Amino acid sequence: MARKFPLQTHEGLGLLPILLENLQRKAKELSCEQVTLVAAGRDQVNLFGRYGFAVEDSDMGRFAMKVGKGIPMERDV
């Protein structure tokens, strides 16, 4: 199978949507306003963007996009 992302070393199990649904549900239970994750690389920004995450509007978010690593992304709960 061809890799979808440069850092992908194994075939995925398709669990990301389930993980993110559970994360959203737990965040609501805890009355969180946002969920934040860190994309390992720039190629994951589009992946997490499909699930409603956006690069954090901050100096760190902009810097991380320039270097292409450790990109903070957030989504409202």
PDB file of N, CA and C in Angstrom:
ATOM      1  N   MET A   1       0.833  -1.178   0.000  1.00  0.00           N
ATOM      2  CA  MET A   1       0.000   0.000   0.000  1.00  0.00           C
ATOM      3  C   MET A   1       0.880   1.244   0.000  1.00  0.00           C
ATOM      4  N   ALA A   2       0.545   2.210  -0.810  1.00  0.00           N
ATOM      5  CA  ALA A   2       1.287   3.460  -0.853  1.00  0.00           C
ATOM      6  C   ALA A   2       0.983   4.278   0.401  1.00  0.00           C
ATOM      7  N   ARG A   3       2.027   4.917   0.932  1.00  0.00           N
ATOM      8  CA  ARG A   3       1.834   5.757   2.112  1.00  0.00           C
ATOM      9  C   ARG A   3       1.086   7.021   1.729  1.00  0.00           C
ATOM     10  N   LYS A   4       0.189   7.477   2.613  1.00  0.00           N
ATOM     11  CA  LYS A   4      -0.555   8.710   2.384  1.00  0.00           C
ATOM     12  C   LYS A   4       0.222   9.917   2.889  1.00  0.00           C
ATOM     13  N   PHE A   5       1.086   9.708   3.883  1.00  0.00           N
ATOM     14  CA  PHE A   5       1.839  10.784   4.502  1.00  0.00           C
ATOM     15  C   PHE A   5       3.292  10.349   4.649  1.00  0.00           C
ATOM     16  N   PRO A   6       4.248  11.279   4.543  1.00  0.00           N
ATOM     17  CA  PRO A   6       5.667  10.914   4.629  1.00  0.00           C
ATOM     18  C   PRO A   6       6.051  10.189   5.912  1.00  0.00           C
ATOM     19  N   LEU A   7       5.426  10.531   7.044  1.00  0.00           N
ATOM     20  CA  LEU A   7       5.792   9.896   8.308  1.00  0.00           C
ATOM     21  C   LEU A   7       5.065   8.585   8.557  1.00  0.00           C
ATOM     22  N   GLN A   8       4.141   8.231   7.688  1.00  0.00           N
ATOM     23  CA  GLN A   8       3.374   7.005   7.870  1.00  0.00           C
ATOM     24  C   GLN A   8       4.249   5.802   7.528  1.00  0.00           C
ATOM     25  N   THR A   9       4.396   4.906   8.502  1.00  0.00           N
ATOM     26  CA  THR A   9       5.236   3.722   8.289  1.00  0.00           C
ATOM     27  C   THR A   9       4.421   2.438   8.215  1.00  0.00           C
ATOM     28  N   HIS A  10       3.152   2.494   8.637  1.00  0.00           N
ATOM     29  CA  HIS A  10       2.310   1.297   8.643  1.00  0.00           C
ATOM     30  C   HIS A  10       0.940   1.643   8.055  1.00  0.00           C
ATOM     31  N   GLU A  11       0.265   0.625   7.587  1.00  0.00           N
ATOM     32  CA  GLU A  11      -1.095   0.821   7.103  1.00  0.00           C
ATOM     33  C   GLU A  11      -1.987   1.212   8.272  1.00  0.00           C
ATOM     34  N   GLY A  12      -2.822   2.221   8.058  1.00  0.00           N
ATOM     35  CA  GLY A  12      -3.724   2.678   9.112  1.00  0.00           C
ATOM     36  C   GLY A  12      -4.863   1.708   9.358  1.00  0.00           C
ATOM     37  N   LEU A  13      -5.473   1.828  10.516  1.00  0.00           N
ATOM     38  CA  LEU A  13      -6.603   0.985  10.880  1.00  0.00           C
ATOM     39  C   LEU A  13      -7.932   1.714  10.727  1.00  0.00           C
ATOM     40  N   GLY A  14      -7.889   2.991  10.320  1.00  0.00           N
ATOM     41  CA  GLY A  14      -9.113   3.750  10.134  1.00  0.00           C
ATOM     42  C   GLY A  14      -9.764   4.191  11.437  1.00  0.00           C
ATOM     43  N   LEU A  15      -8.969   4.331  12.488  1.00  0.00           N
ATOM     44  CA  LEU A  15      -9.513   4.650  13.798  1.00  0.00           C
ATOM     45  C   LEU A  15      -9.543   6.137  14.116  1.00  0.00           C
ATOM     46  N   LEU A  16      -8.938   6.975  13.287  1.00  0.00           N
ATOM     47  CA  LEU A  16      -8.889   8.408  13.591  1.00  0.00           C
ATOM     48  C   LEU A  16     -10.273   9.022  13.761  1.00  0.00           C
ATOM     49  N   PRO A  17     -11.238   8.763  12.874  1.00  0.00           N
ATOM     50  CA  PRO A  17     -12.568   9.356  13.089  1.00  0.00           C
ATOM     51  C   PRO A  17     -13.201   8.947  14.421  1.00  0.00           C
ATOM     52  N   ILE A  18     -13.029   7.707  14.806  1.00  0.00           N
ATOM     53  CA  ILE A  18     -13.590   7.223  16.068  1.00  0.00           C
ATOM     54  C   ILE A  18     -12.884   7.894  17.244  1.00  0.00           C
ATOM     55  N   LEU A  19     -11.569   7.989  17.170  1.00  0.00           N
ATOM     56  CA  LEU A  19     -10.803   8.648  18.225  1.00  0.00           C
ATOM     57  C   LEU A  19     -11.245  10.100  18.396  1.00  0.00           C
ATOM     58  N   LEU A  20     -11.391  10.821  17.291  1.00  0.00           N
ATOM     59  CA  LEU A  20     -11.768  12.227  17.373  1.00  0.00           C
ATOM     60  C   LEU A  20     -13.209  12.411  17.842  1.00  0.00           C
ATOM     61  N   GLU A  21     -14.101  11.501  17.484  1.00  0.00           N
ATOM     62  CA  GLU A  21     -15.482  11.551  18.009  1.00  0.00           C
ATOM     63  C   GLU A  21     -15.484  11.355  19.517  1.00  0.00           C
ATOM     64  N   ASN A  22     -14.715  10.399  20.001  1.00  0.00           N
ATOM     65  CA  ASN A  22     -14.628  10.154  21.444  1.00  0.00           C
ATOM     66  C   ASN A  22     -13.994  11.341  22.169  1.00  0.00           C
ATOM     67  N   LEU A  23     -12.991  11.934  21.557  1.00  0.00           N
ATOM     68  CA  LEU A  23     -12.342  13.111  22.124  1.00  0.00           C
ATOM     69  C   LEU A  23     -13.330  14.268  22.242  1.00  0.00           C
ATOM     70  N   GLN A  24     -14.113  14.488  21.198  1.00  0.00           N
ATOM     71  CA  GLN A  24     -15.113  15.559  21.196  1.00  0.00           C
ATOM     72  C   GLN A  24     -16.166  15.311  22.286  1.00  0.00           C
ATOM     73  N   ARG A  25     -16.622  14.085  22.392  1.00  0.00           N
ATOM     74  CA  ARG A  25     -17.631  13.736  23.401  1.00  0.00           C
ATOM     75  C   ARG A  25     -17.092  13.966  24.818  1.00  0.00           C
ATOM     76  N   LYS A  26     -15.866  13.535  25.070  1.00  0.00           N
ATOM     77  CA  LYS A  26     -15.277  13.716  26.400  1.00  0.00           C
ATOM     78  C   LYS A  26     -15.048  15.194  26.692  1.00  0.00           C
ATOM     79  N   ALA A  27     -14.630  15.959  25.705  1.00  0.00           N
ATOM     80  CA  ALA A  27     -14.419  17.399  25.893  1.00  0.00           C
ATOM     81  C   ALA A  27     -15.730  18.084  26.270  1.00  0.00           C
ATOM     82  N   LYS A  28     -16.839  17.665  25.660  1.00  0.00           N
ATOM     83  CA  LYS A  28     -18.151  18.224  26.011  1.00  0.00           C
ATOM     84  C   LYS A  28     -18.509  17.870  27.447  1.00  0.00           C
ATOM     85  N   GLU A  29     -18.269  16.619  27.832  1.00  0.00           N
ATOM     86  CA  GLU A  29     -18.548  16.184  29.203  1.00  0.00           C
ATOM     87  C   GLU A  29     -17.777  17.018  30.219  1.00  0.00           C
ATOM     88  N   LEU A  30     -16.565  17.412  29.864  1.00  0.00           N
ATOM     89  CA  LEU A  30     -15.707  18.180  30.763  1.00  0.00           C
ATOM     90  C   LEU A  30     -15.918  19.687  30.625  1.00  0.00           C
ATOM     91  N   SER A  31     -16.882  20.084  29.791  1.00  0.00           N
ATOM     92  CA  SER A  31     -17.191  21.498  29.543  1.00  0.00           C
ATOM     93  C   SER A  31     -15.999  22.279  28.988  1.00  0.00           C
ATOM     94  N   CYS A  32     -15.216  21.614  28.155  1.00  0.00           N
ATOM     95  CA  CYS A  32     -14.090  22.285  27.498  1.00  0.00           C
ATOM     96  C   CYS A  32     -14.613  23.182  26.388  1.00  0.00           C
ATOM     97  N   GLU A  33     -13.910  24.247  26.114  1.00  0.00           N
ATOM     98  CA  GLU A  33     -14.284  25.141  25.027  1.00  0.00           C
ATOM     99  C   GLU A  33     -13.611  24.760  23.723  1.00  0.00           C
ATOM    100  N   GLN A  34     -12.386  24.229  23.826  1.00  0.00           N
ATOM    101  CA  GLN A  34     -11.630  23.848  22.631  1.00  0.00           C
ATOM    102  C   GLN A  34     -10.862  22.562  22.880  1.00  0.00           C
ATOM    103  N   VAL A  35     -10.540  21.909  21.768  1.00  0.00           N
ATOM    104  CA  VAL A  35      -9.646  20.759  21.775  1.00  0.00           C
ATOM    105  C   VAL A  35      -8.432  21.172  20.954  1.00  0.00           C
ATOM    106  N   THR A  36      -7.246  20.888  21.473  1.00  0.00           N
ATOM    107  CA  THR A  36      -6.011  21.245  20.781  1.00  0.00           C
ATOM    108  C   THR A  36      -5.181  19.988  20.560  1.00  0.00           C
ATOM    109  N   LEU A  37      -4.560  19.901  19.394  1.00  0.00           N
ATOM    110  CA  LEU A  37      -3.615  18.828  19.112  1.00  0.00           C
ATOM    111  C   LEU A  37      -2.420  19.436  18.404  1.00  0.00           C
ATOM    112  N   VAL A  38      -1.378  18.655  18.258  1.00  0.00           N
ATOM    113  CA  VAL A  38      -0.184  19.117  17.557  1.00  0.00           C
ATOM    114  C   VAL A  38       0.050  18.194  16.367  1.00  0.00           C
ATOM    115  N   ALA A  39      -0.011  18.781  15.173  1.00  0.00           N
ATOM    116  CA  ALA A  39       0.293  18.026  13.952  1.00  0.00           C
ATOM    117  C   ALA A  39       1.807  17.878  13.869  1.00  0.00           C
ATOM    118  N   ALA A  40       2.275  16.664  13.682  1.00  0.00           N
ATOM    119  CA  ALA A  40       3.714  16.414  13.630  1.00  0.00           C
ATOM    120  C   ALA A  40       4.375  17.142  12.464  1.00  0.00           C
ATOM    121  N   GLY A  41       3.666  17.230  11.346  1.00  0.00           N
ATOM    122  CA  GLY A  41       4.230  17.872  10.160  1.00  0.00           C
ATOM    123  C   GLY A  41       3.169  18.565   9.339  1.00  0.00           C
ATOM    124  N   ARG A  42       3.618  19.350   8.392  1.00  0.00           N
ATOM    125  CA  ARG A  42       2.708  20.141   7.566  1.00  0.00           C
ATOM    126  C   ARG A  42       1.711  19.278   6.801  1.00  0.00           C
ATOM    127  N   ASP A  43       2.104  18.074   6.412  1.00  0.00           N
ATOM    128  CA  ASP A  43       1.201  17.202   5.650  1.00  0.00           C
ATOM    129  C   ASP A  43      -0.022  16.781   6.463  1.00  0.00           C
ATOM    130  N   GLN A  44       0.067  16.829   7.780  1.00  0.00           N
ATOM    131  CA  GLN A  44      -1.068  16.447   8.620  1.00  0.00           C
ATOM    132  C   GLN A  44      -2.069  17.576   8.825  1.00  0.00           C
ATOM    133  N   VAL A  45      -1.701  18.799   8.464  1.00  0.00           N
ATOM    134  CA  VAL A  45      -2.605  19.941   8.629  1.00  0.00           C
ATOM    135  C   VAL A  45      -3.887  19.708   7.825  1.00  0.00           C
ATOM    136  N   ASN A  46      -3.763  19.254   6.597  1.00  0.00           N
ATOM    137  CA  ASN A  46      -4.953  18.976   5.784  1.00  0.00           C
ATOM    138  C   ASN A  46      -5.762  17.816   6.353  1.00  0.00           C
ATOM    139  N   LEU A  47      -5.075  16.802   6.843  1.00  0.00           N
ATOM    140  CA  LEU A  47      -5.761  15.655   7.441  1.00  0.00           C
ATOM    141  C   LEU A  47      -6.630  16.111   8.608  1.00  0.00           C
ATOM    142  N   PHE A  48      -6.049  16.815   9.571  1.00  0.00           N
ATOM    143  CA  PHE A  48      -6.816  17.249  10.736  1.00  0.00           C
ATOM    144  C   PHE A  48      -7.808  18.347  10.368  1.00  0.00           C
ATOM    145  N   GLY A  49      -7.516  19.103   9.324  1.00  0.00           N
ATOM    146  CA  GLY A  49      -8.453  20.115   8.848  1.00  0.00           C
ATOM    147  C   GLY A  49      -9.772  19.501   8.395  1.00  0.00           C
ATOM    148  N   ARG A  50      -9.718  18.298   7.865  1.00  0.00           N
ATOM    149  CA  ARG A  50     -10.952  17.607   7.449  1.00  0.00           C
ATOM    150  C   ARG A  50     -11.867  17.296   8.628  1.00  0.00           C
ATOM    151  N   TYR A  51     -11.302  17.331   9.832  1.00  0.00           N
ATOM    152  CA  TYR A  51     -12.078  17.047  11.041  1.00  0.00           C
ATOM    153  C   TYR A  51     -12.358  18.323  11.836  1.00  0.00           C
ATOM    154  N   GLY A  52     -12.217  19.471  11.194  1.00  0.00           N
ATOM    155  CA  GLY A  52     -12.584  20.735  11.820  1.00  0.00           C
ATOM    156  C   GLY A  52     -11.482  21.452  12.571  1.00  0.00           C
ATOM    157  N   PHE A  53     -10.280  20.933  12.552  1.00  0.00           N
ATOM    158  CA  PHE A  53      -9.172  21.592  13.229  1.00  0.00           C
ATOM    159  C   PHE A  53      -8.558  22.643  12.317  1.00  0.00           C
ATOM    160  N   ALA A  54      -8.083  23.738  12.915  1.00  0.00           N
ATOM    161  CA  ALA A  54      -7.407  24.804  12.175  1.00  0.00           C
ATOM    162  C   ALA A  54      -6.115  25.143  12.914  1.00  0.00           C
ATOM    163  N   VAL A  55      -5.127  25.591  12.160  1.00  0.00           N
ATOM    164  CA  VAL A  55      -3.870  25.997  12.777  1.00  0.00           C
ATOM    165  C   VAL A  55      -4.158  27.132  13.753  1.00  0.00           C
ATOM    166  N   GLU A  56      -3.608  27.019  14.923  1.00  0.00           N
ATOM    167  CA  GLU A  56      -3.801  28.025  15.966  1.00  0.00           C
ATOM    168  C   GLU A  56      -3.333  29.394  15.468  1.00  0.00           C
ATOM    169  N   ASP A  57      -4.169  30.407  15.671  1.00  0.00           N
ATOM    170  CA  ASP A  57      -3.846  31.771  15.250  1.00  0.00           C
ATOM    171  C   ASP A  57      -2.981  32.421  16.321  1.00  0.00           C
ATOM    172  N   SER A  58      -1.704  32.087  16.282  1.00  0.00           N
ATOM    173  CA  SER A  58      -0.760  32.591  17.283  1.00  0.00           C
ATOM    174  C   SER A  58       0.623  32.665  16.648  1.00  0.00           C
ATOM    175  N   ASP A  59       1.542  33.323  17.345  1.00  0.00           N
ATOM    176  CA  ASP A  59       2.921  33.371  16.857  1.00  0.00           C
ATOM    177  C   ASP A  59       3.483  31.959  16.719  1.00  0.00           C
ATOM    178  N   MET A  60       3.181  31.100  17.687  1.00  0.00           N
ATOM    179  CA  MET A  60       3.667  29.716  17.631  1.00  0.00           C
ATOM    180  C   MET A  60       3.080  28.979  16.442  1.00  0.00           C
ATOM    181  N   GLY A  61       1.786  29.157  16.185  1.00  0.00           N
ATOM    182  CA  GLY A  61       1.160  28.504  15.043  1.00  0.00           C
ATOM    183  C   GLY A  61       1.784  28.933  13.729  1.00  0.00           C
ATOM    184  N   ARG A  62       2.007  30.236  13.586  1.00  0.00           N
ATOM    185  CA  ARG A  62       2.623  30.747  12.346  1.00  0.00           C
ATOM    186  C   ARG A  62       4.071  30.268  12.203  1.00  0.00           C
ATOM    187  N   PHE A  63       4.831  30.277  13.301  1.00  0.00           N
ATOM    188  CA  PHE A  63       6.216  29.815  13.256  1.00  0.00           C
ATOM    189  C   PHE A  63       6.278  28.329  12.910  1.00  0.00           C
ATOM    190  N   ALA A  64       5.417  27.540  13.553  1.00  0.00           N
ATOM    191  CA  ALA A  64       5.409  26.099  13.300  1.00  0.00           C
ATOM    192  C   ALA A  64       5.076  25.794  11.841  1.00  0.00           C
ATOM    193  N   MET A  65       4.172  26.568  11.248  1.00  0.00           N
ATOM    194  CA  MET A  65       3.856  26.362   9.823  1.00  0.00           C
ATOM    195  C   MET A  65       5.066  26.678   8.954  1.00  0.00           C
ATOM    196  N   LYS A  66       5.846  27.694   9.333  1.00  0.00           N
ATOM    197  CA  LYS A  66       7.055  28.025   8.554  1.00  0.00           C
ATOM    198  C   LYS A  66       8.074  26.897   8.584  1.00  0.00           C
ATOM    199  N   VAL A  67       8.279  26.318   9.779  1.00  0.00           N
ATOM    200  CA  VAL A  67       9.270  25.243   9.886  1.00  0.00           C
ATOM    201  C   VAL A  67       8.680  23.887   9.524  1.00  0.00           C
ATOM    202  N   GLY A  68       7.345  23.780   9.527  1.00  0.00           N
ATOM    203  CA  GLY A  68       6.681  22.555   9.088  1.00  0.00           C
ATOM    204  C   GLY A  68       6.638  21.433  10.097  1.00  0.00           C
ATOM    205  N   LYS A  69       6.839  21.754  11.364  1.00  0.00           N
ATOM    206  CA  LYS A  69       6.836  20.714  12.411  1.00  0.00           C
ATOM    207  C   LYS A  69       6.182  21.250  13.676  1.00  0.00           C
ATOM    208  N   GLY A  70       5.570  20.360  14.453  1.00  0.00           N
ATOM    209  CA  GLY A  70       4.992  20.734  15.740  1.00  0.00           C
ATOM    210  C   GLY A  70       3.935  21.815  15.627  1.00  0.00           C
ATOM    211  N   ILE A  71       2.974  21.620  14.732  1.00  0.00           N
ATOM    212  CA  ILE A  71       1.992  22.644  14.400  1.00  0.00           C
ATOM    213  C   ILE A  71       0.771  22.520  15.305  1.00  0.00           C
ATOM    214  N   PRO A  72       0.533  23.529  16.185  1.00  0.00           N
ATOM    215  CA  PRO A  72      -0.630  23.466  17.054  1.00  0.00           C
ATOM    216  C   PRO A  72      -1.911  23.745  16.268  1.00  0.00           C
ATOM    217  N   MET A  73      -2.904  22.881  16.473  1.00  0.00           N
ATOM    218  CA  MET A  73      -4.195  23.025  15.786  1.00  0.00           C
ATOM    219  C   MET A  73      -5.292  22.926  16.834  1.00  0.00           C
ATOM    220  N   GLU A  74      -6.402  23.635  16.583  1.00  0.00           N
ATOM    221  CA  GLU A  74      -7.478  23.639  17.553  1.00  0.00           C
ATOM    222  C   GLU A  74      -8.829  23.553  16.868  1.00  0.00           C
ATOM    223  N   ARG A  75      -9.834  23.153  17.650  1.00  0.00           N
ATOM    224  CA  ARG A  75     -11.203  23.048  17.179  1.00  0.00           C
ATOM    225  C   ARG A  75     -12.117  23.364  18.347  1.00  0.00           C
ATOM    226  N   ASP A  76     -13.156  24.138  18.094  1.00  0.00           N
ATOM    227  CA  ASP A  76     -14.144  24.413  19.141  1.00  0.00           C
ATOM    228  C   ASP A  76     -14.922  23.151  19.448  1.00  0.00           C
ATOM    229  N   VAL A  77     -15.309  23.040  20.707  1.00  0.00           N
ATOM    230  CA  VAL A  77     -16.084  21.866  21.140  1.00  0.00           C
ATOM    231  C   VAL A  77     -17.548  22.120  20.868  1.00  0.00           C
TER     232      VAL A  77
END
